[in-house]
Amino acid sequence: MREIINDVLKRVVPDDVEEKKLMQIIEEIKEKIDAQKPEDAESMLVGSVAKGTYLKSATDIDFFILFPTYYKKDTIGKITISIGKKIFDEWIIQYAEHPYIRGFYKGYQVDIVPCYRVRN
């Protein structure tokens, strides 16, 4: 039984090389977002990568840009999309509560989503 579990873990848990590469890509993207976002906004890694629950060969990375509530809804979407267009060579606009941008960066699918920073 232990042998089966170990075999499955090898298939689904990222190895050190894969994790190091992913963390390097995340840092590059975060630096690019932070260099372009307004000073009063904050970038945050979210999703399975942020939680450490991503699987081997995961190729999706999610960032939120948290804006103060005094920004207009259409403004936060425009800022986020503008940032993404400068980071990604290939991108598409997606829609949820706010428009957001999905792009591709060094083999990874990256979503950059605007949201409001609110207190609990």
PDB file of N, CA and C in Angstrom:
ATOM      1  N   MET A   1       0.824  -1.191   0.000  1.00  0.00           N
ATOM      2  CA  MET A   1       0.000   0.000   0.000  1.00  0.00           C
ATOM      3  C   MET A   1       0.873   1.262   0.000  1.00  0.00           C
ATOM      4  N   ARG A   2       1.900   1.265   0.833  1.00  0.00           N
ATOM      5  CA  ARG A   2       2.797   2.424   0.931  1.00  0.00           C
ATOM      6  C   ARG A   2       3.468   2.698  -0.408  1.00  0.00           C
ATOM      7  N   GLU A   3       3.799   1.637  -1.119  1.00  0.00           N
ATOM      8  CA  GLU A   3       4.437   1.768  -2.426  1.00  0.00           C
ATOM      9  C   GLU A   3       3.508   2.468  -3.422  1.00  0.00           C
ATOM     10  N   ILE A   4       2.241   2.139  -3.380  1.00  0.00           N
ATOM     11  CA  ILE A   4       1.253   2.766  -4.260  1.00  0.00           C
ATOM     12  C   ILE A   4       1.125   4.252  -3.929  1.00  0.00           C
ATOM     13  N   ILE A   5       1.048   4.568  -2.654  1.00  0.00           N
ATOM     14  CA  ILE A   5       0.936   5.963  -2.219  1.00  0.00           C
ATOM     15  C   ILE A   5       2.151   6.761  -2.682  1.00  0.00           C
ATOM     16  N   ASN A   6       3.329   6.218  -2.488  1.00  0.00           N
ATOM     17  CA  ASN A   6       4.556   6.903  -2.913  1.00  0.00           C
ATOM     18  C   ASN A   6       4.582   7.124  -4.422  1.00  0.00           C
ATOM     19  N   ASP A   7       4.112   6.128  -5.176  1.00  0.00           N
ATOM     20  CA  ASP A   7       4.067   6.244  -6.629  1.00  0.00           C
ATOM     21  C   ASP A   7       3.116   7.366  -7.053  1.00  0.00           C
ATOM     22  N   VAL A   8       1.960   7.427  -6.425  1.00  0.00           N
ATOM     23  CA  VAL A   8       0.986   8.480  -6.739  1.00  0.00           C
ATOM     24  C   VAL A   8       1.555   9.851  -6.377  1.00  0.00           C
ATOM     25  N   LEU A   9       2.181   9.963  -5.224  1.00  0.00           N
ATOM     26  CA  LEU A   9       2.758  11.240  -4.797  1.00  0.00           C
ATOM     27  C   LEU A   9       3.816  11.732  -5.779  1.00  0.00           C
ATOM     28  N   LYS A  10       4.634  10.818  -6.302  1.00  0.00           N
ATOM     29  CA  LYS A  10       5.649  11.205  -7.285  1.00  0.00           C
ATOM     30  C   LYS A  10       5.011  11.784  -8.540  1.00  0.00           C
ATOM     31  N   ARG A  11       3.814  11.316  -8.859  1.00  0.00           N
ATOM     32  CA  ARG A  11       3.129  11.783 -10.060  1.00  0.00           C
ATOM     33  C   ARG A  11       2.406  13.113  -9.873  1.00  0.00           C
ATOM     34  N   VAL A  12       1.986  13.429  -8.646  1.00  0.00           N
ATOM     35  CA  VAL A  12       1.160  14.625  -8.444  1.00  0.00           C
ATOM     36  C   VAL A  12       1.836  15.758  -7.676  1.00  0.00           C
ATOM     37  N   VAL A  13       2.866  15.454  -6.884  1.00  0.00           N
ATOM     38  CA  VAL A  13       3.534  16.486  -6.087  1.00  0.00           C
ATOM     39  C   VAL A  13       4.709  17.054  -6.885  1.00  0.00           C
ATOM     40  N   PRO A  14       4.771  18.378  -7.038  1.00  0.00           N
ATOM     41  CA  PRO A  14       5.881  18.979  -7.783  1.00  0.00           C
ATOM     42  C   PRO A  14       7.229  18.673  -7.128  1.00  0.00           C
ATOM     43  N   ASP A  15       8.237  18.411  -7.956  1.00  0.00           N
ATOM     44  CA  ASP A  15       9.573  18.191  -7.399  1.00  0.00           C
ATOM     45  C   ASP A  15      10.247  19.542  -7.150  1.00  0.00           C
ATOM     46  N   ASP A  16      11.416  19.506  -6.537  1.00  0.00           N
ATOM     47  CA  ASP A  16      12.115  20.738  -6.159  1.00  0.00           C
ATOM     48  C   ASP A  16      12.460  21.611  -7.365  1.00  0.00           C
ATOM     49  N   VAL A  17      12.842  20.991  -8.460  1.00  0.00           N
ATOM     50  CA  VAL A  17      13.207  21.743  -9.665  1.00  0.00           C
ATOM     51  C   VAL A  17      11.986  22.477 -10.215  1.00  0.00           C
ATOM     52  N   GLU A  18      10.872  21.765 -10.309  1.00  0.00           N
ATOM     53  CA  GLU A  18       9.642  22.373 -10.818  1.00  0.00           C
ATOM     54  C   GLU A  18       9.173  23.501  -9.895  1.00  0.00           C
ATOM     55  N   GLU A  19       9.246  23.282  -8.602  1.00  0.00           N
ATOM     56  CA  GLU A  19       8.815  24.304  -7.650  1.00  0.00           C
ATOM     57  C   GLU A  19       9.709  25.544  -7.725  1.00  0.00           C
ATOM     58  N   LYS A  20      11.003  25.337  -7.849  1.00  0.00           N
ATOM     59  CA  LYS A  20      11.934  26.468  -7.940  1.00  0.00           C
ATOM     60  C   LYS A  20      11.652  27.299  -9.191  1.00  0.00           C
ATOM     61  N   LYS A  21      11.419  26.627 -10.318  1.00  0.00           N
ATOM     62  CA  LYS A  21      11.109  27.321 -11.569  1.00  0.00           C
ATOM     63  C   LYS A  21       9.819  28.123 -11.423  1.00  0.00           C
ATOM     64  N   LEU A  22       8.792  27.508 -10.847  1.00  0.00           N
ATOM     65  CA  LEU A  22       7.513  28.186 -10.664  1.00  0.00           C
ATOM     66  C   LEU A  22       7.667  29.414  -9.773  1.00  0.00           C
ATOM     67  N   MET A  23       8.398  29.286  -8.683  1.00  0.00           N
ATOM     68  CA  MET A  23       8.585  30.416  -7.765  1.00  0.00           C
ATOM     69  C   MET A  23       9.348  31.561  -8.440  1.00  0.00           C
ATOM     70  N   GLN A  24      10.288  31.222  -9.301  1.00  0.00           N
ATOM     71  CA  GLN A  24      11.037  32.242 -10.043  1.00  0.00           C
ATOM     72  C   GLN A  24      10.103  32.993 -11.000  1.00  0.00           C
ATOM     73  N   ILE A  25       9.251  32.263 -11.694  1.00  0.00           N
ATOM     74  CA  ILE A  25       8.288  32.875 -12.613  1.00  0.00           C
ATOM     75  C   ILE A  25       7.329  33.777 -11.842  1.00  0.00           C
ATOM     76  N   ILE A  26       6.848  33.309 -10.706  1.00  0.00           N
ATOM     77  CA  ILE A  26       5.932  34.102  -9.877  1.00  0.00           C
ATOM     78  C   ILE A  26       6.597  35.401  -9.454  1.00  0.00           C
ATOM     79  N   GLU A  27       7.832  35.329  -9.024  1.00  0.00           N
ATOM     80  CA  GLU A  27       8.552  36.530  -8.592  1.00  0.00           C
ATOM     81  C   GLU A  27       8.712  37.515  -9.752  1.00  0.00           C
ATOM     82  N   GLU A  28       9.030  37.003 -10.944  1.00  0.00           N
ATOM     83  CA  GLU A  28       9.162  37.874 -12.117  1.00  0.00           C
ATOM     84  C   GLU A  28       7.856  38.601 -12.410  1.00  0.00           C
ATOM     85  N   ILE A  29       6.761  37.853 -12.404  1.00  0.00           N
ATOM     86  CA  ILE A  29       5.461  38.455 -12.708  1.00  0.00           C
ATOM     87  C   ILE A  29       5.079  39.465 -11.635  1.00  0.00           C
ATOM     88  N   LYS A  30       5.270  39.107 -10.377  1.00  0.00           N
ATOM     89  CA  LYS A  30       4.924  40.019  -9.274  1.00  0.00           C
ATOM     90  C   LYS A  30       5.718  41.317  -9.381  1.00  0.00           C
ATOM     91  N   GLU A  31       6.997  41.220  -9.691  1.00  0.00           N
ATOM     92  CA  GLU A  31       7.821  42.424  -9.857  1.00  0.00           C
ATOM     93  C   GLU A  31       7.284  43.308 -10.982  1.00  0.00           C
ATOM     94  N   LYS A  32       6.853  42.687 -12.075  1.00  0.00           N
ATOM     95  CA  LYS A  32       6.316  43.450 -13.202  1.00  0.00           C
ATOM     96  C   LYS A  32       4.990  44.114 -12.836  1.00  0.00           C
ATOM     97  N   ILE A  33       4.140  43.399 -12.119  1.00  0.00           N
ATOM     98  CA  ILE A  33       2.872  43.990 -11.671  1.00  0.00           C
ATOM     99  C   ILE A  33       3.156  45.146 -10.724  1.00  0.00           C
ATOM    100  N   ASP A  34       4.010  44.908  -9.740  1.00  0.00           N
ATOM    101  CA  ASP A  34       4.291  45.928  -8.721  1.00  0.00           C
ATOM    102  C   ASP A  34       4.918  47.187  -9.311  1.00  0.00           C
ATOM    103  N   ALA A  35       5.691  47.032 -10.373  1.00  0.00           N
ATOM    104  CA  ALA A  35       6.324  48.193 -11.006  1.00  0.00           C
ATOM    105  C   ALA A  35       5.308  49.074 -11.734  1.00  0.00           C
ATOM    106  N   GLN A  36       4.144  48.511 -12.065  1.00  0.00           N
ATOM    107  CA  GLN A  36       3.162  49.243 -12.866  1.00  0.00           C
ATOM    108  C   GLN A  36       1.888  49.617 -12.119  1.00  0.00           C
ATOM    109  N   LYS A  37       1.584  48.946 -11.044  1.00  0.00           N
ATOM    110  CA  LYS A  37       0.330  49.210 -10.329  1.00  0.00           C
ATOM    111  C   LYS A  37       0.410  50.548  -9.600  1.00  0.00           C
ATOM    112  N   PRO A  38      -0.736  51.150  -9.301  1.00  0.00           N
ATOM    113  CA  PRO A  38      -0.708  52.367  -8.492  1.00  0.00           C
ATOM    114  C   PRO A  38      -0.108  52.085  -7.114  1.00  0.00           C
ATOM    115  N   GLU A  39       0.503  53.094  -6.531  1.00  0.00           N
ATOM    116  CA  GLU A  39       1.137  52.923  -5.214  1.00  0.00           C
ATOM    117  C   GLU A  39       0.170  52.466  -4.143  1.00  0.00           C
ATOM    118  N   ASP A  40      -1.078  52.889  -4.247  1.00  0.00           N
ATOM    119  CA  ASP A  40      -2.051  52.552  -3.210  1.00  0.00           C
ATOM    120  C   ASP A  40      -2.759  51.219  -3.460  1.00  0.00           C
ATOM    121  N   ALA A  41      -2.343  50.491  -4.484  1.00  0.00           N
ATOM    122  CA  ALA A  41      -2.870  49.154  -4.758  1.00  0.00           C
ATOM    123  C   ALA A  41      -1.831  48.122  -4.323  1.00  0.00           C
ATOM    124  N   GLU A  42      -2.276  46.894  -4.178  1.00  0.00           N
ATOM    125  CA  GLU A  42      -1.408  45.821  -3.682  1.00  0.00           C
ATOM    126  C   GLU A  42      -1.600  44.582  -4.556  1.00  0.00           C
ATOM    127  N   SER A  43      -0.511  43.913  -4.916  1.00  0.00           N
ATOM    128  CA  SER A  43      -0.632  42.661  -5.664  1.00  0.00           C
ATOM    129  C   SER A  43      -0.571  41.494  -4.693  1.00  0.00           C
ATOM    130  N   MET A  44      -1.331  40.448  -5.021  1.00  0.00           N
ATOM    131  CA  MET A  44      -1.388  39.289  -4.136  1.00  0.00           C
ATOM    132  C   MET A  44      -1.498  38.006  -4.964  1.00  0.00           C
ATOM    133  N   LEU A  45      -0.607  37.069  -4.704  1.00  0.00           N
ATOM    134  CA  LEU A  45      -0.696  35.747  -5.307  1.00  0.00           C
ATOM    135  C   LEU A  45      -1.841  35.003  -4.628  1.00  0.00           C
ATOM    136  N   VAL A  46      -2.723  34.391  -5.415  1.00  0.00           N
ATOM    137  CA  VAL A  46      -3.869  33.668  -4.868  1.00  0.00           C
ATOM    138  C   VAL A  46      -3.998  32.314  -5.572  1.00  0.00           C
ATOM    139  N   GLY A  47      -4.974  31.548  -5.194  1.00  0.00           N
ATOM    140  CA  GLY A  47      -5.239  30.277  -5.852  1.00  0.00           C
ATOM    141  C   GLY A  47      -4.405  29.139  -5.296  1.00  0.00           C
ATOM    142  N   SER A  48      -4.365  28.050  -6.044  1.00  0.00           N
ATOM    143  CA  SER A  48      -3.711  26.834  -5.557  1.00  0.00           C
ATOM    144  C   SER A  48      -2.214  27.012  -5.349  1.00  0.00           C
ATOM    145  N   VAL A  49      -1.580  27.843  -6.160  1.00  0.00           N
ATOM    146  CA  VAL A  49      -0.142  28.072  -5.982  1.00  0.00           C
ATOM    147  C   VAL A  49       0.109  28.785  -4.660  1.00  0.00           C
ATOM    148  N   ALA A  50      -0.691  29.802  -4.363  1.00  0.00           N
ATOM    149  CA  ALA A  50      -0.532  30.543  -3.104  1.00  0.00           C
ATOM    150  C   ALA A  50      -0.787  29.646  -1.897  1.00  0.00           C
ATOM    151  N   LYS A  51      -1.723  28.717  -2.036  1.00  0.00           N
ATOM    152  CA  LYS A  51      -2.079  27.825  -0.925  1.00  0.00           C
ATOM    153  C   LYS A  51      -1.137  26.630  -0.810  1.00  0.00           C
ATOM    154  N   GLY A  52      -0.319  26.424  -1.835  1.00  0.00           N
ATOM    155  CA  GLY A  52       0.569  25.265  -1.825  1.00  0.00           C
ATOM    156  C   GLY A  52      -0.146  23.964  -2.143  1.00  0.00           C
ATOM    157  N   THR A  53      -1.300  24.068  -2.809  1.00  0.00           N
ATOM    158  CA  THR A  53      -2.078  22.869  -3.132  1.00  0.00           C
ATOM    159  C   THR A  53      -2.059  22.538  -4.625  1.00  0.00           C
ATOM    160  N   TYR A  54      -1.187  23.200  -5.375  1.00  0.00           N
ATOM    161  CA  TYR A  54      -1.127  22.953  -6.812  1.00  0.00           C
ATOM    162  C   TYR A  54      -0.486  21.592  -7.085  1.00  0.00           C
ATOM    163  N   LEU A  55      -0.795  21.056  -8.240  1.00  0.00           N
ATOM    164  CA  LEU A  55      -0.303  19.736  -8.619  1.00  0.00           C
ATOM    165  C   LEU A  55       0.875  19.850  -9.578  1.00  0.00           C
ATOM    166  N   LYS A  56       1.608  18.759  -9.689  1.00  0.00           N
ATOM    167  CA  LYS A  56       2.746  18.687 -10.609  1.00  0.00           C
ATOM    168  C   LYS A  56       2.276  19.092 -12.001  1.00  0.00           C
ATOM    169  N   SER A  57       3.108  19.816 -12.686  1.00  0.00           N
ATOM    170  CA  SER A  57       2.828  20.307 -14.037  1.00  0.00           C
ATOM    171  C   SER A  57       1.691  21.324 -14.071  1.00  0.00           C
ATOM    172  N   ALA A  58       1.371  21.924 -12.937  1.00  0.00           N
ATOM    173  CA  ALA A  58       0.367  22.998 -12.920  1.00  0.00           C
ATOM    174  C   ALA A  58       0.914  24.152 -13.743  1.00  0.00           C
ATOM    175  N   THR A  59       0.077  24.693 -14.572  1.00  0.00           N
ATOM    176  CA  THR A  59       0.548  25.777 -15.424  1.00  0.00           C
ATOM    177  C   THR A  59      -0.291  27.044 -15.261  1.00  0.00           C
ATOM    178  N   ASP A  60      -1.045  27.153 -14.178  1.00  0.00           N
ATOM    179  CA  ASP A  60      -1.839  28.366 -13.991  1.00  0.00           C
ATOM    180  C   ASP A  60      -1.444  29.091 -12.708  1.00  0.00           C
ATOM    181  N   ILE A  61      -1.325  30.403 -12.836  1.00  0.00           N
ATOM    182  CA  ILE A  61      -0.925  31.278 -11.735  1.00  0.00           C
ATOM    183  C   ILE A  61      -1.959  32.395 -11.662  1.00  0.00           C
ATOM    184  N   ASP A  62      -2.405  32.711 -10.462  1.00  0.00           N
ATOM    185  CA  ASP A  62      -3.435  33.736 -10.283  1.00  0.00           C
ATOM    186  C   ASP A  62      -2.944  34.849  -9.369  1.00  0.00           C
ATOM    187  N   PHE A  63      -3.122  36.075  -9.836  1.00  0.00           N
ATOM    188  CA  PHE A  63      -2.819  37.257  -9.032  1.00  0.00           C
ATOM    189  C   PHE A  63      -4.066  38.117  -8.914  1.00  0.00           C
ATOM    190  N   PHE A  64      -4.267  38.703  -7.751  1.00  0.00           N
ATOM    191  CA  PHE A  64      -5.244  39.772  -7.574  1.00  0.00           C
ATOM    192  C   PHE A  64      -4.466  41.073  -7.457  1.00  0.00           C
ATOM    193  N   ILE A  65      -5.060  42.135  -7.957  1.00  0.00           N
ATOM    194  CA  ILE A  65      -4.581  43.473  -7.632  1.00  0.00           C
ATOM    195  C   ILE A  65      -5.677  44.094  -6.778  1.00  0.00           C
ATOM    196  N   LEU A  66      -5.352  44.369  -5.524  1.00  0.00           N
ATOM    197  CA  LEU A  66      -6.317  44.904  -4.568  1.00  0.00           C
ATOM    198  C   LEU A  66      -6.261  46.430  -4.594  1.00  0.00           C
ATOM    199  N   PHE A  67      -7.375  47.030  -4.948  1.00  0.00           N
ATOM    200  CA  PHE A  67      -7.479  48.484  -5.051  1.00  0.00           C
ATOM    201  C   PHE A  67      -8.273  49.042  -3.875  1.00  0.00           C
ATOM    202  N   PRO A  68      -7.926  50.244  -3.435  1.00  0.00           N
ATOM    203  CA  PRO A  68      -8.768  50.912  -2.434  1.00  0.00           C
ATOM    204  C   PRO A  68     -10.179  51.113  -3.007  1.00  0.00           C
ATOM    205  N   THR A  69     -11.164  51.165  -2.134  1.00  0.00           N
ATOM    206  CA  THR A  69     -12.559  51.219  -2.580  1.00  0.00           C
ATOM    207  C   THR A  69     -12.945  52.526  -3.264  1.00  0.00           C
ATOM    208  N   TYR A  70     -12.100  53.538  -3.203  1.00  0.00           N
ATOM    209  CA  TYR A  70     -12.457  54.793  -3.870  1.00  0.00           C
ATOM    210  C   TYR A  70     -12.204  54.759  -5.376  1.00  0.00           C
ATOM    211  N   TYR A  71     -11.576  53.712  -5.879  1.00  0.00           N
ATOM    212  CA  TYR A  71     -11.421  53.563  -7.327  1.00  0.00           C
ATOM    213  C   TYR A  71     -12.760  53.136  -7.928  1.00  0.00           C
ATOM    214  N   LYS A  72     -13.072  53.648  -9.104  1.00  0.00           N
ATOM    215  CA  LYS A  72     -14.286  53.235  -9.803  1.00  0.00           C
ATOM    216  C   LYS A  72     -14.078  51.841 -10.390  1.00  0.00           C
ATOM    217  N   LYS A  73     -15.176  51.105 -10.491  1.00  0.00           N
ATOM    218  CA  LYS A  73     -15.124  49.732 -10.995  1.00  0.00           C
ATOM    219  C   LYS A  73     -14.488  49.652 -12.384  1.00  0.00           C
ATOM    220  N   ASP A  74     -14.888  50.545 -13.281  1.00  0.00           N
ATOM    221  CA  ASP A  74     -14.323  50.472 -14.632  1.00  0.00           C
ATOM    222  C   ASP A  74     -12.840  50.847 -14.647  1.00  0.00           C
ATOM    223  N   THR A  75     -12.429  51.685 -13.716  1.00  0.00           N
ATOM    224  CA  THR A  75     -11.022  52.096 -13.635  1.00  0.00           C
ATOM    225  C   THR A  75     -10.128  50.935 -13.226  1.00  0.00           C
ATOM    226  N   ILE A  76     -10.553  50.146 -12.247  1.00  0.00           N
ATOM    227  CA  ILE A  76      -9.690  49.041 -11.803  1.00  0.00           C
ATOM    228  C   ILE A  76      -9.531  47.993 -12.898  1.00  0.00           C
ATOM    229  N   GLY A  77     -10.587  47.796 -13.682  1.00  0.00           N
ATOM    230  CA  GLY A  77     -10.475  46.882 -14.813  1.00  0.00           C
ATOM    231  C   GLY A  77      -9.507  47.393 -15.864  1.00  0.00           C
ATOM    232  N   LYS A  78      -9.618  48.674 -16.185  1.00  0.00           N
ATOM    233  CA  LYS A  78      -8.739  49.268 -17.201  1.00  0.00           C
ATOM    234  C   LYS A  78      -7.276  49.233 -16.767  1.00  0.00           C
ATOM    235  N   ILE A  79      -7.024  49.553 -15.509  1.00  0.00           N
ATOM    236  CA  ILE A  79      -5.639  49.530 -15.008  1.00  0.00           C
ATOM    237  C   ILE A  79      -5.069  48.119 -15.083  1.00  0.00           C
ATOM    238  N   THR A  80      -5.849  47.142 -14.630  1.00  0.00           N
ATOM    239  CA  THR A  80      -5.388  45.749 -14.612  1.00  0.00           C
ATOM    240  C   THR A  80      -5.106  45.243 -16.021  1.00  0.00           C
ATOM    241  N   ILE A  81      -5.999  45.533 -16.935  1.00  0.00           N
ATOM    242  CA  ILE A  81      -5.809  45.092 -18.317  1.00  0.00           C
ATOM    243  C   ILE A  81      -4.579  45.762 -18.929  1.00  0.00           C
ATOM    244  N   SER A  82      -4.391  47.029 -18.653  1.00  0.00           N
ATOM    245  CA  SER A  82      -3.214  47.745 -19.151  1.00  0.00           C
ATOM    246  C   SER A  82      -1.923  47.116 -18.630  1.00  0.00           C
ATOM    247  N   ILE A  83      -1.904  46.766 -17.357  1.00  0.00           N
ATOM    248  CA  ILE A  83      -0.728  46.113 -16.766  1.00  0.00           C
ATOM    249  C   ILE A  83      -0.453  44.787 -17.466  1.00  0.00           C
ATOM    250  N   GLY A  84      -1.493  43.973 -17.617  1.00  0.00           N
ATOM    251  CA  GLY A  84      -1.326  42.666 -18.251  1.00  0.00           C
ATOM    252  C   GLY A  84      -0.822  42.755 -19.677  1.00  0.00           C
ATOM    253  N   LYS A  85      -1.325  43.735 -20.421  1.00  0.00           N
ATOM    254  CA  LYS A  85      -0.892  43.893 -21.814  1.00  0.00           C
ATOM    255  C   LYS A  85       0.593  44.210 -21.911  1.00  0.00           C
ATOM    256  N   LYS A  86       1.138  44.841 -20.887  1.00  0.00           N
ATOM    257  CA  LYS A  86       2.568  45.152 -20.879  1.00  0.00           C
ATOM    258  C   LYS A  86       3.416  43.954 -20.449  1.00  0.00           C
ATOM    259  N   ILE A  87       2.803  43.002 -19.767  1.00  0.00           N
ATOM    260  CA  ILE A  87       3.535  41.824 -19.286  1.00  0.00           C
ATOM    261  C   ILE A  87       3.482  40.680 -20.299  1.00  0.00           C
ATOM    262  N   PHE A  88       2.320  40.474 -20.896  1.00  0.00           N
ATOM    263  CA  PHE A  88       2.094  39.306 -21.748  1.00  0.00           C
ATOM    264  C   PHE A  88       2.233  39.647 -23.223  1.00  0.00           C
ATOM    265  N   ASP A  89       2.850  38.743 -23.975  1.00  0.00           N
ATOM    266  CA  ASP A  89       2.876  38.870 -25.428  1.00  0.00           C
ATOM    267  C   ASP A  89       1.549  38.404 -26.015  1.00  0.00           C
ATOM    268  N   GLU A  90       0.954  37.429 -25.359  1.00  0.00           N
ATOM    269  CA  GLU A  90      -0.301  36.839 -25.819  1.00  0.00           C
ATOM    270  C   GLU A  90      -1.291  36.918 -24.669  1.00  0.00           C
ATOM    271  N   TRP A  91      -2.478  37.504 -24.896  1.00  0.00           N
ATOM    272  CA  TRP A  91      -3.433  37.700 -23.813  1.00  0.00           C
ATOM    273  C   TRP A  91      -4.860  37.746 -24.356  1.00  0.00           C
ATOM    274  N   ILE A  92      -5.813  37.534 -23.447  1.00  0.00           N
ATOM    275  CA  ILE A  92      -7.232  37.698 -23.759  1.00  0.00           C
ATOM    276  C   ILE A  92      -7.902  38.372 -22.564  1.00  0.00           C
ATOM    277  N   ILE A  93      -8.968  39.091 -22.843  1.00  0.00           N
ATOM    278  CA  ILE A  93      -9.740  39.723 -21.787  1.00  0.00           C
ATOM    279  C   ILE A  93     -10.835  38.744 -21.377  1.00  0.00           C
ATOM    280  N   GLN A  94     -10.961  38.506 -20.091  1.00  0.00           N
ATOM    281  CA  GLN A  94     -11.995  37.648 -19.525  1.00  0.00           C
ATOM    282  C   GLN A  94     -12.931  38.522 -18.692  1.00  0.00           C
ATOM    283  N   TYR A  95     -14.073  37.974 -18.350  1.00  0.00           N
ATOM    284  CA  TYR A  95     -15.042  38.746 -17.571  1.00  0.00           C
ATOM    285  C   TYR A  95     -15.574  37.938 -16.397  1.00  0.00           C
ATOM    286  N   ALA A  96     -15.621  38.596 -15.251  1.00  0.00           N
ATOM    287  CA  ALA A  96     -16.269  38.080 -14.043  1.00  0.00           C
ATOM    288  C   ALA A  96     -17.030  39.280 -13.486  1.00  0.00           C
ATOM    289  N   GLU A  97     -16.869  39.602 -12.226  1.00  0.00           N
ATOM    290  CA  GLU A  97     -17.448  40.839 -11.680  1.00  0.00           C
ATOM    291  C   GLU A  97     -16.807  42.053 -12.352  1.00  0.00           C
ATOM    292  N   HIS A  98     -15.508  41.965 -12.605  1.00  0.00           N
ATOM    293  CA  HIS A  98     -14.761  43.011 -13.298  1.00  0.00           C
ATOM    294  C   HIS A  98     -14.052  42.334 -14.465  1.00  0.00           C
ATOM    295  N   PRO A  99     -13.785  43.073 -15.531  1.00  0.00           N
ATOM    296  CA  PRO A  99     -12.949  42.466 -16.566  1.00  0.00           C
ATOM    297  C   PRO A  99     -11.551  42.209 -16.001  1.00  0.00           C
ATOM    298  N   TYR A 100     -10.947  41.127 -16.437  1.00  0.00           N
ATOM    299  CA  TYR A 100      -9.579  40.816 -16.028  1.00  0.00           C
ATOM    300  C   TYR A 100      -8.825  40.296 -17.233  1.00  0.00           C
ATOM    301  N   ILE A 101      -7.538  40.110 -17.067  1.00  0.00           N
ATOM    302  CA  ILE A 101      -6.721  39.684 -18.202  1.00  0.00           C
ATOM    303  C   ILE A 101      -6.080  38.329 -17.920  1.00  0.00           C
ATOM    304  N   ARG A 102      -6.111  37.500 -18.943  1.00  0.00           N
ATOM    305  CA  ARG A 102      -5.433  36.196 -18.903  1.00  0.00           C
ATOM    306  C   ARG A 102      -4.353  36.234 -19.970  1.00  0.00           C
ATOM    307  N   GLY A 103      -3.146  35.904 -19.554  1.00  0.00           N
ATOM    308  CA  GLY A 103      -2.044  35.911 -20.498  1.00  0.00           C
ATOM    309  C   GLY A 103      -1.171  34.694 -20.313  1.00  0.00           C
ATOM    310  N   PHE A 104      -0.172  34.609 -21.147  1.00  0.00           N
ATOM    311  CA  PHE A 104       0.732  33.471 -21.109  1.00  0.00           C
ATOM    312  C   PHE A 104       2.147  33.986 -20.951  1.00  0.00           C
ATOM    313  N   TYR A 105       2.839  33.444 -19.952  1.00  0.00           N
ATOM    314  CA  TYR A 105       4.171  33.922 -19.595  1.00  0.00           C
ATOM    315  C   TYR A 105       5.073  32.718 -19.367  1.00  0.00           C
ATOM    316  N   LYS A 106       6.023  32.530 -20.267  1.00  0.00           N
ATOM    317  CA  LYS A 106       7.008  31.446 -20.166  1.00  0.00           C
ATOM    318  C   LYS A 106       6.349  30.087 -19.912  1.00  0.00           C
ATOM    319  N   GLY A 107       5.277  29.820 -20.650  1.00  0.00           N
ATOM    320  CA  GLY A 107       4.608  28.527 -20.566  1.00  0.00           C
ATOM    321  C   GLY A 107       3.536  28.419 -19.496  1.00  0.00           C
ATOM    322  N   TYR A 108       3.320  29.461 -18.736  1.00  0.00           N
ATOM    323  CA  TYR A 108       2.307  29.450 -17.683  1.00  0.00           C
ATOM    324  C   TYR A 108       1.133  30.332 -18.082  1.00  0.00           C
ATOM    325  N   GLN A 109      -0.069  29.872 -17.758  1.00  0.00           N
ATOM    326  CA  GLN A 109      -1.265  30.700 -17.927  1.00  0.00           C
ATOM    327  C   GLN A 109      -1.410  31.540 -16.666  1.00  0.00           C
ATOM    328  N   VAL A 110      -1.532  32.848 -16.831  1.00  0.00           N
ATOM    329  CA  VAL A 110      -1.574  33.760 -15.688  1.00  0.00           C
ATOM    330  C   VAL A 110      -2.826  34.622 -15.775  1.00  0.00           C
ATOM    331  N   ASP A 111      -3.601  34.647 -14.694  1.00  0.00           N
ATOM    332  CA  ASP A 111      -4.736  35.556 -14.587  1.00  0.00           C
ATOM    333  C   ASP A 111      -4.357  36.685 -13.644  1.00  0.00           C
ATOM    334  N   ILE A 112      -4.628  37.919 -14.068  1.00  0.00           N
ATOM    335  CA  ILE A 112      -4.465  39.082 -13.197  1.00  0.00           C
ATOM    336  C   ILE A 112      -5.853  39.700 -13.068  1.00  0.00           C
ATOM    337  N   VAL A 113      -6.371  39.685 -11.849  1.00  0.00           N
ATOM    338  CA  VAL A 113      -7.764  40.039 -11.588  1.00  0.00           C
ATOM    339  C   VAL A 113      -7.821  41.243 -10.647  1.00  0.00           C
ATOM    340  N   PRO A 114      -8.578  42.281 -11.015  1.00  0.00           N
ATOM    341  CA  PRO A 114      -8.734  43.406 -10.094  1.00  0.00           C
ATOM    342  C   PRO A 114      -9.801  43.099  -9.045  1.00  0.00           C
ATOM    343  N   CYS A 115      -9.621  43.647  -7.872  1.00  0.00           N
ATOM    344  CA  CYS A 115     -10.640  43.526  -6.831  1.00  0.00           C
ATOM    345  C   CYS A 115     -10.461  44.683  -5.859  1.00  0.00           C
ATOM    346  N   TYR A 116     -11.421  44.819  -4.969  1.00  0.00           N
ATOM    347  CA  TYR A 116     -11.326  45.867  -3.958  1.00  0.00           C
ATOM    348  C   TYR A 116     -10.719  45.312  -2.684  1.00  0.00           C
ATOM    349  N   ARG A 117      -9.886  46.117  -2.066  1.00  0.00           N
ATOM    350  CA  ARG A 117      -9.323  45.764  -0.757  1.00  0.00           C
ATOM    351  C   ARG A 117     -10.338  46.242   0.283  1.00  0.00           C
ATOM    352  N   VAL A 118     -10.914  45.301   0.999  1.00  0.00           N
ATOM    353  CA  VAL A 118     -11.907  45.642   2.022  1.00  0.00           C
ATOM    354  C   VAL A 118     -11.502  45.021   3.350  1.00  0.00           C
ATOM    355  N   ARG A 119     -11.958  45.613   4.391  1.00  0.00           N
ATOM    356  CA  ARG A 119     -11.713  45.072   5.730  1.00  0.00           C
ATOM    357  C   ARG A 119     -12.729  43.967   5.996  1.00  0.00           C
ATOM    358  N   ASN A 120     -12.409  43.061   6.885  1.00  0.00           N
ATOM    359  CA  ASN A 120     -13.332  41.961   7.233  1.00  0.00           C
ATOM    360  C   ASN A 120     -14.636  42.483   7.771  1.00  0.00           C
TER     361      ASN A 120
END
